[in-house]
Structures are given as C-alpha cells and as structure tokens.
Amino acid sequence: MAFTDDAIRGYAEAFAAVADAEGVLDKVEDELFAFGKALEQQPALREALTDAAIPAENRKSVVRDVLTDRANDVTVNLIGFAVESGHAKDLGKIVQAVSAIAAGRRDHQLAEVRSAVPLDDAQRARLAEALSTATGRSIEVKVVVDPTIVGGVVAQVGDEVFDGSIASRLDDAKQQLGSV
C-alpha cells in the first residue's frame, strides 16, 4: 500500500522528531539518506524488504544484518519500523523527506549531488558554496556515488539541475564544433 504525500510527510516528521529527541538527527539523516540510495541501487535488497510473503520479523532482520555496526541504533529502528508496518516501498520518499526536514531546520536547501567518487569534506564545502552562489540559497550537499558519472558532478537543487559532468562537457564541445 503506497502512502499519500501527507502520510509520507508525517512519517518523515516523526522520524526526524525521534532522531532529534535522541540528539542524533544529523547522523540519522545521513544514514537514512544513504540507505534510501542503497535501496534504489540494489533491487535484491529492495525486494527482500518489500516482499509481503516474507514475515515482517525476517525483513526487519535483513535491516539489522545490513546496518548493524554501520548505523546508529535509531536509524536501524526507524527503518525497521517502516519495514514492519509495510511501508518499505515508501522508504525512499520518506528518507528524502527526512533530509528535506533536517535541512529546513538548519535553514538550508538540500542538493543531491551525483559523483563517480566520494567527495571529501573540503570538496563538499566548495560545492555547497558554489551552489549557494548559483541559487542564492544556503545549500546542504548530499553526495550519491554514481558510477555512471564518468567524471565531474551532477547536482540537483529542487527542480534545478547543474550538470558539470564530463559527459555533459563533451556534448557541449561536440555541439560547438558542429556549429563552426
């Protein structure tokens, strides 16, 4: 059963409130975001968590097995709660909403950045500054490692896309050479 936007927002607000009350909102938000991206990229994991034929306790066990020693207990419990209540299919939307809520609490706009390699803190800071200048808003960067990005980055802030990938630059160069 898919959630409505209001229900997704409600779950996200509850997740953020629990993490905030435990004093781990930033960490849990990062872990939830990473887990949501893993669900997008790993069909077998997504299937294991959404298959109604598998008992809920077994699906929660998969979450514990995947995240134990990698994630905060609050993160594990929140994901387990969503899985147990039959809303694993909506986890991607829920965690995206948690990230937006957390960024909003810090008075930031969320930017999802796809890169072929992980970015270090200095690179994230420079990118956040450049995106802030380009958009006129305070930006919080969330990086997704995407091997289809050969080099450079692709950033999305709301509906705006900033494509600084090598593939995009090569396409631009081809078009410029074709018009000469």
C-alpha atoms as a PDB file:
ATOM      1  CA  MET A   1       0.000   0.000   0.000  1.00  0.00           C
ATOM      2  CA  ALA A   2       1.547   3.305  -1.077  1.00  0.00           C
ATOM      3  CA  PHE A   3       1.388   6.361   1.132  1.00  0.00           C
ATOM      4  CA  THR A   4      -0.082   9.706   0.282  1.00  0.00           C
ATOM      5  CA  ASP A   5       2.238  12.715   0.334  1.00  0.00           C
ATOM      6  CA  ASP A   6       0.741  13.724   3.704  1.00  0.00           C
ATOM      7  CA  ALA A   7       1.423  10.285   5.182  1.00  0.00           C
ATOM      8  CA  ILE A   8       5.000  10.321   3.877  1.00  0.00           C
ATOM      9  CA  ARG A   9       5.498  13.767   5.380  1.00  0.00           C
ATOM     10  CA  GLY A  10       4.001  12.516   8.672  1.00  0.00           C
ATOM     11  CA  TYR A  11       6.373   9.556   8.827  1.00  0.00           C
ATOM     12  CA  ALA A  12       9.311  11.801   7.925  1.00  0.00           C
ATOM     13  CA  GLU A  13       8.406  14.319  10.622  1.00  0.00           C
ATOM     14  CA  ALA A  14       8.081  11.506  13.163  1.00  0.00           C
ATOM     15  CA  PHE A  15      11.454  10.036  12.117  1.00  0.00           C
ATOM     16  CA  ALA A  16      13.089  13.463  12.382  1.00  0.00           C
ATOM     17  CA  ALA A  17      11.461  14.111  15.778  1.00  0.00           C
ATOM     18  CA  VAL A  18      12.700  10.783  17.192  1.00  0.00           C
ATOM     19  CA  ALA A  19      16.239  11.338  15.906  1.00  0.00           C
ATOM     20  CA  ASP A  20      16.214  14.933  17.165  1.00  0.00           C
ATOM     21  CA  ALA A  21      14.972  13.857  20.611  1.00  0.00           C
ATOM     22  CA  GLU A  22      17.827  11.334  20.770  1.00  0.00           C
ATOM     23  CA  GLY A  23      20.315  14.057  19.764  1.00  0.00           C
ATOM     24  CA  VAL A  24      21.395  12.242  16.597  1.00  0.00           C
ATOM     25  CA  LEU A  25      19.372  13.924  13.851  1.00  0.00           C
ATOM     26  CA  ASP A  26      22.354  14.786  11.632  1.00  0.00           C
ATOM     27  CA  LYS A  27      23.821  11.279  11.828  1.00  0.00           C
ATOM     28  CA  VAL A  28      20.474   9.509  11.383  1.00  0.00           C
ATOM     29  CA  GLU A  29      19.520  11.763   8.482  1.00  0.00           C
ATOM     30  CA  ASP A  30      22.798  10.933   6.688  1.00  0.00           C
ATOM     31  CA  GLU A  31      22.354   7.215   7.347  1.00  0.00           C
ATOM     32  CA  LEU A  32      18.721   7.219   6.214  1.00  0.00           C
ATOM     33  CA  PHE A  33      19.694   9.065   3.034  1.00  0.00           C
ATOM     34  CA  ALA A  34      22.460   6.540   2.290  1.00  0.00           C
ATOM     35  CA  PHE A  35      20.095   3.626   2.970  1.00  0.00           C
ATOM     36  CA  GLY A  36      17.465   5.118   0.665  1.00  0.00           C
ATOM     37  CA  LYS A  37      20.037   5.375  -2.121  1.00  0.00           C
ATOM     38  CA  ALA A  38      21.157   1.791  -1.475  1.00  0.00           C
ATOM     39  CA  LEU A  39      17.534   0.689  -1.896  1.00  0.00           C
ATOM     40  CA  GLU A  40      17.406   2.481  -5.256  1.00  0.00           C
ATOM     41  CA  GLN A  41      20.608   0.848  -6.455  1.00  0.00           C
ATOM     42  CA  GLN A  42      20.139  -2.677  -5.080  1.00  0.00           C
ATOM     43  CA  PRO A  43      16.992  -4.394  -6.375  1.00  0.00           C
ATOM     44  CA  ALA A  44      17.655  -7.531  -4.309  1.00  0.00           C
ATOM     45  CA  LEU A  45      17.639  -5.526  -1.074  1.00  0.00           C
ATOM     46  CA  ARG A  46      14.518  -3.638  -2.108  1.00  0.00           C
ATOM     47  CA  GLU A  47      12.787  -6.931  -2.950  1.00  0.00           C
ATOM     48  CA  ALA A  48      13.782  -8.524   0.355  1.00  0.00           C
ATOM     49  CA  LEU A  49      12.309  -5.610   2.296  1.00  0.00           C
ATOM     50  CA  THR A  50       9.110  -5.222   0.279  1.00  0.00           C
ATOM     51  CA  ASP A  51       8.116  -8.846  -0.280  1.00  0.00           C
ATOM     52  CA  ALA A  52       4.895  -9.319   1.713  1.00  0.00           C
ATOM     53  CA  ALA A  53       5.387 -13.104   1.560  1.00  0.00           C
ATOM     54  CA  ILE A  54       8.417 -12.741   3.842  1.00  0.00           C
ATOM     55  CA  PRO A  55       7.411 -12.350   7.504  1.00  0.00           C
ATOM     56  CA  ALA A  56       7.928  -8.828   8.864  1.00  0.00           C
ATOM     57  CA  GLU A  57      10.379 -10.046  11.503  1.00  0.00           C
ATOM     58  CA  ASN A  58      12.559 -11.604   8.785  1.00  0.00           C
ATOM     59  CA  ARG A  59      12.503  -8.366   6.780  1.00  0.00           C
ATOM     60  CA  LYS A  60      13.500  -6.415   9.915  1.00  0.00           C
ATOM     61  CA  SER A  61      16.266  -8.954  10.420  1.00  0.00           C
ATOM     62  CA  VAL A  62      17.606  -8.083   6.957  1.00  0.00           C
ATOM     63  CA  VAL A  63      17.741  -4.418   8.016  1.00  0.00           C
ATOM     64  CA  ARG A  64      19.625  -5.335  11.196  1.00  0.00           C
ATOM     65  CA  ASP A  65      22.035  -7.577   9.265  1.00  0.00           C
ATOM     66  CA  VAL A  66      22.761  -4.887   6.679  1.00  0.00           C
ATOM     67  CA  LEU A  67      23.104  -1.985   9.108  1.00  0.00           C
ATOM     68  CA  THR A  68      24.454  -3.417  12.363  1.00  0.00           C
ATOM     69  CA  ASP A  69      27.822  -1.847  13.181  1.00  0.00           C
ATOM     70  CA  ARG A  70      27.328   0.608  10.281  1.00  0.00           C
ATOM     71  CA  ALA A  71      24.459   2.716  11.574  1.00  0.00           C
ATOM     72  CA  ASN A  72      23.113   4.275  14.721  1.00  0.00           C
ATOM     73  CA  ASP A  73      20.530   2.182  16.594  1.00  0.00           C
ATOM     74  CA  VAL A  74      17.943   4.914  15.980  1.00  0.00           C
ATOM     75  CA  THR A  75      18.451   4.563  12.219  1.00  0.00           C
ATOM     76  CA  VAL A  76      18.114   0.784  12.377  1.00  0.00           C
ATOM     77  CA  ASN A  77      14.954   1.029  14.488  1.00  0.00           C
ATOM     78  CA  LEU A  78      13.294   3.655  12.280  1.00  0.00           C
ATOM     79  CA  ILE A  79      13.926   1.664   9.109  1.00  0.00           C
ATOM     80  CA  GLY A  80      12.786  -1.499  10.878  1.00  0.00           C
ATOM     81  CA  PHE A  81       9.584   0.260  11.941  1.00  0.00           C
ATOM     82  CA  ALA A  82       8.796   1.303   8.367  1.00  0.00           C
ATOM     83  CA  VAL A  83       9.528  -2.206   7.094  1.00  0.00           C
ATOM     84  CA  GLU A  84       7.444  -3.859   9.823  1.00  0.00           C
ATOM     85  CA  SER A  85       4.496  -1.553   9.174  1.00  0.00           C
ATOM     86  CA  GLY A  86       4.541  -2.489   5.483  1.00  0.00           C
ATOM     87  CA  HIS A  87       5.940   0.766   4.116  1.00  0.00           C
ATOM     88  CA  ALA A  88       9.348  -0.324   2.854  1.00  0.00           C
ATOM     89  CA  LYS A  89       8.278   0.673  -0.682  1.00  0.00           C
ATOM     90  CA  ASP A  90       7.933   4.244   0.549  1.00  0.00           C
ATOM     91  CA  LEU A  91      11.279   4.384   2.372  1.00  0.00           C
ATOM     92  CA  GLY A  92      12.970   6.299  -0.443  1.00  0.00           C
ATOM     93  CA  LYS A  93      10.342   9.025  -0.297  1.00  0.00           C
ATOM     94  CA  ILE A  94      10.314   9.034   3.496  1.00  0.00           C
ATOM     95  CA  VAL A  95      14.080   9.410   3.822  1.00  0.00           C
ATOM     96  CA  GLN A  96      14.113  12.116   1.133  1.00  0.00           C
ATOM     97  CA  ALA A  97      11.510  13.994   3.182  1.00  0.00           C
ATOM     98  CA  VAL A  98      13.555  13.488   6.394  1.00  0.00           C
ATOM     99  CA  SER A  99      16.570  15.038   4.636  1.00  0.00           C
ATOM    100  CA  ALA A 100      14.475  17.990   3.498  1.00  0.00           C
ATOM    101  CA  ILE A 101      13.055  18.463   7.011  1.00  0.00           C
ATOM    102  CA  ALA A 102      16.510  18.299   8.610  1.00  0.00           C
ATOM    103  CA  ALA A 103      17.947  20.725   6.033  1.00  0.00           C
ATOM    104  CA  GLY A 104      14.988  23.062   6.603  1.00  0.00           C
ATOM    105  CA  ARG A 105      15.606  23.024  10.357  1.00  0.00           C
ATOM    106  CA  ARG A 106      19.131  24.180   9.605  1.00  0.00           C
ATOM    107  CA  ASP A 107      17.701  26.768   7.191  1.00  0.00           C
ATOM    108  CA  HIS A 108      19.283  25.028   4.184  1.00  0.00           C
ATOM    109  CA  GLN A 109      18.070  23.740   0.839  1.00  0.00           C
ATOM    110  CA  LEU A 110      19.015  20.154   0.024  1.00  0.00           C
ATOM    111  CA  ALA A 111      21.238  19.446  -3.004  1.00  0.00           C
ATOM    112  CA  GLU A 112      21.603  15.877  -4.224  1.00  0.00           C
ATOM    113  CA  VAL A 113      24.980  15.559  -5.907  1.00  0.00           C
ATOM    114  CA  ARG A 114      25.955  12.568  -8.027  1.00  0.00           C
ATOM    115  CA  SER A 115      29.654  11.886  -8.407  1.00  0.00           C
ATOM    116  CA  ALA A 116      31.721   8.928  -9.623  1.00  0.00           C
ATOM    117  CA  VAL A 117      33.751   9.031  -6.407  1.00  0.00           C
ATOM    118  CA  PRO A 118      33.082  10.062  -2.809  1.00  0.00           C
ATOM    119  CA  LEU A 119      33.792  13.722  -2.070  1.00  0.00           C
ATOM    120  CA  ASP A 120      35.845  14.781   0.941  1.00  0.00           C
ATOM    121  CA  ASP A 121      34.697  17.486   3.352  1.00  0.00           C
ATOM    122  CA  ALA A 122      36.654  20.249   1.578  1.00  0.00           C
ATOM    123  CA  GLN A 123      35.149  19.313  -1.799  1.00  0.00           C
ATOM    124  CA  ARG A 124      31.647  19.209  -0.281  1.00  0.00           C
ATOM    125  CA  ALA A 125      32.171  22.645   1.267  1.00  0.00           C
ATOM    126  CA  ARG A 126      33.397  24.167  -2.023  1.00  0.00           C
ATOM    127  CA  LEU A 127      30.486  22.597  -3.887  1.00  0.00           C
ATOM    128  CA  ALA A 128      27.960  23.834  -1.303  1.00  0.00           C
ATOM    129  CA  GLU A 129      29.419  27.329  -1.589  1.00  0.00           C
ATOM    130  CA  ALA A 130      29.268  27.288  -5.409  1.00  0.00           C
ATOM    131  CA  LEU A 131      25.676  26.010  -5.393  1.00  0.00           C
ATOM    132  CA  SER A 132      24.721  28.600  -2.773  1.00  0.00           C
ATOM    133  CA  THR A 133      26.130  31.335  -5.004  1.00  0.00           C
ATOM    134  CA  ALA A 134      24.325  29.937  -8.056  1.00  0.00           C
ATOM    135  CA  THR A 135      20.948  29.555  -6.336  1.00  0.00           C
ATOM    136  CA  GLY A 136      21.013  32.378  -3.816  1.00  0.00           C
ATOM    137  CA  ARG A 137      20.135  29.881  -1.052  1.00  0.00           C
ATOM    138  CA  SER A 138      22.087  28.151   1.693  1.00  0.00           C
ATOM    139  CA  ILE A 139      22.795  24.658   0.379  1.00  0.00           C
ATOM    140  CA  GLU A 140      23.374  21.365   2.143  1.00  0.00           C
ATOM    141  CA  VAL A 141      25.080  18.778  -0.053  1.00  0.00           C
ATOM    142  CA  LYS A 142      24.210  15.067  -0.028  1.00  0.00           C
ATOM    143  CA  VAL A 143      26.544  13.021  -2.218  1.00  0.00           C
ATOM    144  CA  VAL A 144      25.494   9.863  -4.024  1.00  0.00           C
ATOM    145  CA  VAL A 145      28.292   7.835  -5.576  1.00  0.00           C
ATOM    146  CA  ASP A 146      27.108   7.036  -9.092  1.00  0.00           C
ATOM    147  CA  PRO A 147      29.473   5.050 -11.334  1.00  0.00           C
ATOM    148  CA  THR A 148      27.599   6.223 -14.451  1.00  0.00           C
ATOM    149  CA  ILE A 149      29.063   9.688 -13.852  1.00  0.00           C
ATOM    150  CA  VAL A 150      32.475   9.300 -15.506  1.00  0.00           C
ATOM    151  CA  GLY A 151      33.858  12.498 -14.020  1.00  0.00           C
ATOM    152  CA  GLY A 152      32.660  15.767 -12.583  1.00  0.00           C
ATOM    153  CA  VAL A 153      29.343  16.066 -10.749  1.00  0.00           C
ATOM    154  CA  VAL A 154      25.644  16.486 -11.402  1.00  0.00           C
ATOM    155  CA  ALA A 155      23.783  18.441  -8.723  1.00  0.00           C
ATOM    156  CA  GLN A 156      20.044  18.831  -8.263  1.00  0.00           C
ATOM    157  CA  VAL A 157      18.630  21.556  -6.039  1.00  0.00           C
ATOM    158  CA  GLY A 158      14.857  21.361  -6.070  1.00  0.00           C
ATOM    159  CA  ASP A 159      13.915  21.465  -9.757  1.00  0.00           C
ATOM    160  CA  GLU A 160      17.239  22.964 -10.873  1.00  0.00           C
ATOM    161  CA  VAL A 161      19.931  20.671 -12.312  1.00  0.00           C
ATOM    162  CA  PHE A 162      23.568  21.727 -12.565  1.00  0.00           C
ATOM    163  CA  ASP A 163      25.366  19.306 -14.870  1.00  0.00           C
ATOM    164  CA  GLY A 164      29.124  19.590 -14.524  1.00  0.00           C
ATOM    165  CA  SER A 165      29.799  16.051 -15.669  1.00  0.00           C
ATOM    166  CA  ILE A 166      32.468  15.255 -18.222  1.00  0.00           C
ATOM    167  CA  ALA A 167      29.803  13.697 -20.464  1.00  0.00           C
ATOM    168  CA  SER A 168      27.882  16.983 -20.480  1.00  0.00           C
ATOM    169  CA  ARG A 169      31.025  18.987 -21.221  1.00  0.00           C
ATOM    170  CA  LEU A 170      31.907  16.668 -24.100  1.00  0.00           C
ATOM    171  CA  ASP A 171      28.389  17.030 -25.536  1.00  0.00           C
ATOM    172  CA  ASP A 172      28.712  20.818 -25.302  1.00  0.00           C
ATOM    173  CA  ALA A 173      32.083  20.702 -27.073  1.00  0.00           C
ATOM    174  CA  LYS A 174      30.654  18.482 -29.850  1.00  0.00           C
ATOM    175  CA  GLN A 175      27.790  20.910 -30.383  1.00  0.00           C
ATOM    176  CA  GLN A 176      30.151  23.881 -30.514  1.00  0.00           C
ATOM    177  CA  LEU A 177      32.424  22.124 -33.001  1.00  0.00           C
ATOM    178  CA  GLY A 178      29.414  21.135 -35.120  1.00  0.00           C
ATOM    179  CA  SER A 179      28.274  24.732 -35.379  1.00  0.00           C
ATOM    180  CA  VAL A 180      31.669  26.018 -36.550  1.00  0.00           C
END
